[in-house]
């Protein structure tokens, strides 16, 4: 029943996750690093495909 409440309101759940990450300096730094790595990898992949 608890799980149903979480997944029946995905916008609320996502907002709670985002708020937790954005309001915690350690989690924010980890997210920022992972995001930068993913974006850099995607750019490298696209450049390789365009050659």
N, C-alpha and C. Protein backbone atom coordinates (compact mmCIF):
# COMPACT_ATOMS: atom_id res chain seq x y z
N UNK A 1 0.83 -1.19 0.00
CA UNK A 1 0.00 0.00 0.00
C UNK A 1 0.88 1.26 0.00
N UNK A 2 1.99 1.23 0.74
CA UNK A 2 2.88 2.39 0.78
C UNK A 2 3.51 2.62 -0.60
N UNK A 3 3.92 1.54 -1.23
CA UNK A 3 4.53 1.66 -2.55
C UNK A 3 3.55 2.25 -3.54
N UNK A 4 2.31 1.85 -3.47
CA UNK A 4 1.29 2.38 -4.38
C UNK A 4 1.18 3.90 -4.24
N UNK A 5 1.23 4.40 -3.04
CA UNK A 5 1.13 5.85 -2.83
C UNK A 5 2.31 6.58 -3.47
N UNK A 6 3.49 5.99 -3.39
CA UNK A 6 4.67 6.61 -3.98
C UNK A 6 4.56 6.65 -5.50
N UNK A 7 4.18 5.54 -6.10
CA UNK A 7 4.16 5.47 -7.55
C UNK A 7 2.87 5.99 -8.16
N UNK A 8 1.86 6.22 -7.36
CA UNK A 8 0.63 6.82 -7.87
C UNK A 8 0.80 8.33 -8.01
N UNK A 9 1.81 8.89 -7.38
CA UNK A 9 2.09 10.32 -7.45
C UNK A 9 3.54 10.54 -7.89
N UNK A 10 3.88 10.14 -9.13
CA UNK A 10 5.28 10.22 -9.53
C UNK A 10 5.85 11.63 -9.51
N UNK A 11 5.04 12.64 -9.79
CA UNK A 11 5.56 14.01 -9.78
C UNK A 11 6.00 14.39 -8.38
N UNK A 12 5.20 14.03 -7.40
CA UNK A 12 5.55 14.34 -6.01
C UNK A 12 6.82 13.59 -5.62
N UNK A 13 6.90 12.32 -5.99
CA UNK A 13 8.07 11.51 -5.64
C UNK A 13 9.33 12.09 -6.28
N UNK A 14 9.25 12.43 -7.55
CA UNK A 14 10.39 13.02 -8.24
C UNK A 14 10.82 14.34 -7.62
N UNK A 15 9.83 15.13 -7.23
CA UNK A 15 10.13 16.42 -6.59
C UNK A 15 10.83 16.21 -5.25
N UNK A 16 10.41 15.19 -4.51
CA UNK A 16 11.05 14.90 -3.23
C UNK A 16 12.50 14.45 -3.42
N UNK A 17 12.73 13.63 -4.43
CA UNK A 17 14.09 13.17 -4.72
C UNK A 17 14.96 14.36 -5.13
N UNK A 18 14.43 15.20 -6.03
CA UNK A 18 15.18 16.37 -6.49
C UNK A 18 15.49 17.31 -5.33
N UNK A 19 14.51 17.55 -4.48
CA UNK A 19 14.72 18.45 -3.34
C UNK A 19 15.79 17.90 -2.41
N UNK A 20 15.77 16.61 -2.19
CA UNK A 20 16.77 16.00 -1.30
C UNK A 20 18.17 16.17 -1.87
N UNK A 21 18.32 15.95 -3.17
CA UNK A 21 19.63 16.08 -3.81
C UNK A 21 20.08 17.54 -3.83
N UNK A 22 19.18 18.43 -4.20
CA UNK A 22 19.56 19.84 -4.34
C UNK A 22 19.82 20.52 -3.01
N UNK A 23 19.25 20.01 -1.94
CA UNK A 23 19.42 20.62 -0.62
C UNK A 23 20.51 19.98 0.23
N UNK A 24 21.15 18.95 -0.30
CA UNK A 24 22.23 18.27 0.43
C UNK A 24 23.53 18.52 -0.35
N UNK A 25 24.45 19.29 0.20
CA UNK A 25 25.67 19.63 -0.53
C UNK A 25 26.46 18.42 -1.04
N UNK A 26 26.53 17.36 -0.25
CA UNK A 26 27.27 16.17 -0.67
C UNK A 26 26.58 15.47 -1.84
N UNK A 27 25.26 15.30 -1.76
CA UNK A 27 24.52 14.68 -2.85
C UNK A 27 24.53 15.56 -4.09
N UNK A 28 24.45 16.87 -3.89
CA UNK A 28 24.47 17.80 -5.02
C UNK A 28 25.79 17.69 -5.77
N UNK A 29 26.89 17.64 -5.04
CA UNK A 29 28.21 17.53 -5.67
C UNK A 29 28.33 16.22 -6.45
N UNK A 30 27.83 15.13 -5.88
CA UNK A 30 27.86 13.83 -6.56
C UNK A 30 27.02 13.88 -7.83
N UNK A 31 25.83 14.48 -7.75
CA UNK A 31 24.94 14.60 -8.91
C UNK A 31 25.61 15.44 -10.00
N UNK A 32 26.22 16.55 -9.58
CA UNK A 32 26.87 17.45 -10.52
C UNK A 32 28.00 16.74 -11.27
N UNK A 33 28.80 15.97 -10.54
CA UNK A 33 29.90 15.21 -11.14
C UNK A 33 29.38 14.17 -12.12
N UNK A 34 28.36 13.42 -11.71
CA UNK A 34 27.79 12.39 -12.58
C UNK A 34 27.17 13.01 -13.83
N UNK A 35 26.49 14.13 -13.67
CA UNK A 35 25.88 14.81 -14.81
C UNK A 35 26.95 15.26 -15.79
N UNK A 36 28.01 15.86 -15.27
CA UNK A 36 29.10 16.34 -16.13
C UNK A 36 29.72 15.16 -16.89
N UNK A 37 29.93 14.04 -16.22
CA UNK A 37 30.51 12.86 -16.87
C UNK A 37 29.60 12.32 -17.96
N UNK A 38 28.31 12.29 -17.70
CA UNK A 38 27.34 11.78 -18.68
C UNK A 38 27.28 12.70 -19.90
N UNK A 39 27.23 13.99 -19.66
CA UNK A 39 27.17 14.95 -20.77
C UNK A 39 28.45 14.87 -21.60
N UNK A 40 29.59 14.79 -20.95
CA UNK A 40 30.86 14.69 -21.68
C UNK A 40 30.91 13.42 -22.51
N UNK A 41 30.46 12.31 -21.95
CA UNK A 41 30.45 11.04 -22.69
C UNK A 41 29.51 11.13 -23.89
N UNK A 42 28.38 11.77 -23.70
CA UNK A 42 27.41 11.92 -24.81
C UNK A 42 27.99 12.78 -25.93
N UNK A 43 28.68 13.85 -25.58
CA UNK A 43 29.30 14.70 -26.59
C UNK A 43 30.37 13.93 -27.35
N UNK A 44 31.20 13.17 -26.63
CA UNK A 44 32.23 12.36 -27.30
C UNK A 44 31.58 11.34 -28.24
N UNK A 45 30.50 10.72 -27.79
CA UNK A 45 29.81 9.73 -28.61
C UNK A 45 29.25 10.37 -29.88
N UNK A 46 28.64 11.52 -29.75
CA UNK A 46 28.06 12.19 -30.92
C UNK A 46 29.15 12.62 -31.90
N UNK A 47 30.26 13.11 -31.38
CA UNK A 47 31.38 13.50 -32.25
C UNK A 47 31.91 12.29 -33.02
N UNK A 48 32.03 11.17 -32.34
CA UNK A 48 32.52 9.95 -33.00
C UNK A 48 31.55 9.50 -34.08
N UNK A 49 30.27 9.61 -33.83
CA UNK A 49 29.27 9.20 -34.82
C UNK A 49 29.25 10.12 -36.03
N UNK A 50 29.60 11.37 -35.84
CA UNK A 50 29.57 12.34 -36.93
C UNK A 50 30.81 12.28 -37.82
N UNK A 51 31.82 11.55 -37.42
CA UNK A 51 33.05 11.45 -38.22
C UNK A 51 32.88 10.55 -39.39
